[in-house]
Amino acid sequence: MKKNTKAVDKRVVPYLSVGMMIGLLIGSLTDNLGLWLSLGLAIGASLGYTRVEKK
């Protein structure tokens, strides 16, 4: 069974962008941009995919 990718994208993209912004903010404050940017993206993606409705 294949998921509708447009429905998944509409739910995940906002969480990815928020995770990236938070990662950039914390990374610039702690001078460790690479670590926090990747952590922010990973956390944003995981939150977005947990919000996708399961049928």
N, C-alpha and C. Protein backbone atom coordinates (compact mmCIF):
# COMPACT_ATOMS: atom_id res chain seq x y z
N MET A 1 0.84 -1.16 0.00
CA MET A 1 0.00 0.00 0.00
C MET A 1 0.90 1.24 0.00
N LYS A 2 0.63 2.16 -0.92
CA LYS A 2 1.45 3.35 -1.07
C LYS A 2 0.74 4.56 -0.48
N LYS A 3 1.48 5.35 0.29
CA LYS A 3 0.90 6.56 0.86
C LYS A 3 0.89 7.66 -0.18
N ASN A 4 -0.06 8.56 -0.04
CA ASN A 4 -0.12 9.73 -0.90
C ASN A 4 0.99 10.68 -0.47
N THR A 5 1.97 10.89 -1.34
CA THR A 5 3.14 11.66 -0.93
C THR A 5 2.83 13.14 -0.76
N LYS A 6 1.84 13.66 -1.47
CA LYS A 6 1.49 15.08 -1.30
C LYS A 6 0.89 15.31 0.08
N ALA A 7 0.09 14.38 0.57
CA ALA A 7 -0.48 14.52 1.91
C ALA A 7 0.60 14.42 2.97
N VAL A 8 1.57 13.56 2.74
CA VAL A 8 2.68 13.43 3.68
C VAL A 8 3.53 14.70 3.66
N ASP A 9 3.80 15.23 2.47
CA ASP A 9 4.61 16.44 2.36
C ASP A 9 3.94 17.63 3.03
N LYS A 10 2.64 17.75 2.90
CA LYS A 10 1.93 18.88 3.51
C LYS A 10 2.02 18.83 5.03
N ARG A 11 2.12 17.66 5.60
CA ARG A 11 2.21 17.53 7.05
C ARG A 11 3.63 17.62 7.57
N VAL A 12 4.61 17.19 6.80
CA VAL A 12 5.98 17.07 7.27
C VAL A 12 6.78 18.35 7.06
N VAL A 13 6.54 19.05 5.96
CA VAL A 13 7.36 20.22 5.62
C VAL A 13 7.32 21.32 6.69
N PRO A 14 6.18 21.66 7.27
CA PRO A 14 6.22 22.68 8.33
C PRO A 14 7.07 22.27 9.53
N TYR A 15 7.02 21.01 9.89
CA TYR A 15 7.82 20.55 11.03
C TYR A 15 9.32 20.56 10.68
N LEU A 16 9.64 20.24 9.43
CA LEU A 16 11.04 20.31 9.00
C LEU A 16 11.57 21.74 9.09
N SER A 17 10.77 22.70 8.64
CA SER A 17 11.23 24.08 8.65
C SER A 17 11.36 24.61 10.07
N VAL A 18 10.46 24.25 10.95
CA VAL A 18 10.57 24.68 12.35
C VAL A 18 11.78 24.03 13.01
N GLY A 19 12.01 22.76 12.73
CA GLY A 19 13.18 22.08 13.26
C GLY A 19 14.47 22.69 12.77
N MET A 20 14.48 23.10 11.49
CA MET A 20 15.68 23.73 10.95
C MET A 20 15.92 25.09 11.59
N MET A 21 14.87 25.86 11.81
CA MET A 21 15.03 27.17 12.45
C MET A 21 15.54 27.03 13.88
N ILE A 22 14.98 26.07 14.61
CA ILE A 22 15.42 25.86 15.99
C ILE A 22 16.86 25.37 16.01
N GLY A 23 17.21 24.48 15.10
CA GLY A 23 18.58 23.99 15.01
C GLY A 23 19.57 25.09 14.67
N LEU A 24 19.18 25.98 13.76
CA LEU A 24 20.06 27.11 13.42
C LEU A 24 20.22 28.06 14.59
N LEU A 25 19.17 28.30 15.31
CA LEU A 25 19.24 29.19 16.47
C LEU A 25 20.14 28.63 17.56
N ILE A 26 19.92 27.39 17.94
CA ILE A 26 20.74 26.78 18.99
C ILE A 26 22.17 26.60 18.51
N GLY A 27 22.35 26.22 17.26
CA GLY A 27 23.69 26.04 16.71
C GLY A 27 24.49 27.31 16.67
N SER A 28 23.84 28.41 16.34
CA SER A 28 24.57 29.68 16.32
C SER A 28 24.89 30.16 17.73
N LEU A 29 24.03 29.85 18.67
CA LEU A 29 24.30 30.25 20.06
C LEU A 29 25.42 29.43 20.69
N THR A 30 25.53 28.17 20.31
CA THR A 30 26.53 27.30 20.93
C THR A 30 27.77 27.10 20.06
N ASP A 31 27.83 27.75 18.91
CA ASP A 31 28.95 27.61 17.97
C ASP A 31 29.16 26.17 17.50
N ASN A 32 28.09 25.44 17.37
CA ASN A 32 28.15 24.08 16.86
C ASN A 32 27.00 23.90 15.87
N LEU A 33 27.10 24.62 14.76
CA LEU A 33 26.01 24.71 13.80
C LEU A 33 25.71 23.37 13.12
N GLY A 34 26.74 22.61 12.78
CA GLY A 34 26.53 21.35 12.08
C GLY A 34 25.75 20.34 12.89
N LEU A 35 26.08 20.24 14.16
CA LEU A 35 25.38 19.29 15.03
C LEU A 35 23.93 19.67 15.21
N TRP A 36 23.67 20.91 15.54
CA TRP A 36 22.31 21.32 15.87
C TRP A 36 21.42 21.45 14.64
N LEU A 37 22.01 21.78 13.51
CA LEU A 37 21.20 21.82 12.29
C LEU A 37 20.71 20.43 11.93
N SER A 38 21.60 19.45 12.01
CA SER A 38 21.19 18.08 11.68
C SER A 38 20.23 17.53 12.73
N LEU A 39 20.44 17.86 13.99
CA LEU A 39 19.50 17.41 15.03
C LEU A 39 18.13 18.06 14.86
N GLY A 40 18.11 19.33 14.52
CA GLY A 40 16.84 20.01 14.30
C GLY A 40 16.06 19.42 13.14
N LEU A 41 16.76 19.11 12.05
CA LEU A 41 16.09 18.50 10.91
C LEU A 41 15.57 17.10 11.24
N ALA A 42 16.36 16.34 11.97
CA ALA A 42 15.94 14.98 12.33
C ALA A 42 14.73 15.01 13.26
N ILE A 43 14.75 15.89 14.23
CA ILE A 43 13.62 15.99 15.16
C ILE A 43 12.38 16.51 14.45
N GLY A 44 12.56 17.49 13.56
CA GLY A 44 11.42 18.00 12.79
C GLY A 44 10.81 16.95 11.89
N ALA A 45 11.64 16.16 11.24
CA ALA A 45 11.13 15.10 10.37
C ALA A 45 10.40 14.03 11.17
N SER A 46 10.95 13.67 12.31
CA SER A 46 10.30 12.63 13.11
C SER A 46 8.97 13.12 13.67
N LEU A 47 8.90 14.37 14.10
CA LEU A 47 7.62 14.92 14.58
C LEU A 47 6.60 15.00 13.45
N GLY A 48 7.06 15.40 12.27
CA GLY A 48 6.15 15.49 11.13
C GLY A 48 5.58 14.15 10.73
N TYR A 49 6.41 13.13 10.71
CA TYR A 49 5.93 11.81 10.32
C TYR A 49 5.06 11.17 11.39
N THR A 50 5.21 11.55 12.64
CA THR A 50 4.30 11.03 13.65
C THR A 50 2.94 11.70 13.58
N ARG A 51 2.86 12.88 12.99
CA ARG A 51 1.60 13.59 12.85
C ARG A 51 0.79 13.15 11.63
N VAL A 52 1.39 12.40 10.73
CA VAL A 52 0.67 11.91 9.55
C VAL A 52 -0.36 10.88 10.01
N GLU A 53 -1.58 11.04 9.55
CA GLU A 53 -2.63 10.12 9.97
C GLU A 53 -2.40 8.74 9.39
N LYS A 54 -2.57 7.75 10.23
CA LYS A 54 -2.42 6.36 9.79
C LYS A 54 -3.81 5.82 9.45
N LYS A 55 -3.89 5.22 8.25
CA LYS A 55 -5.20 4.69 7.81
C LYS A 55 -5.28 3.21 8.02
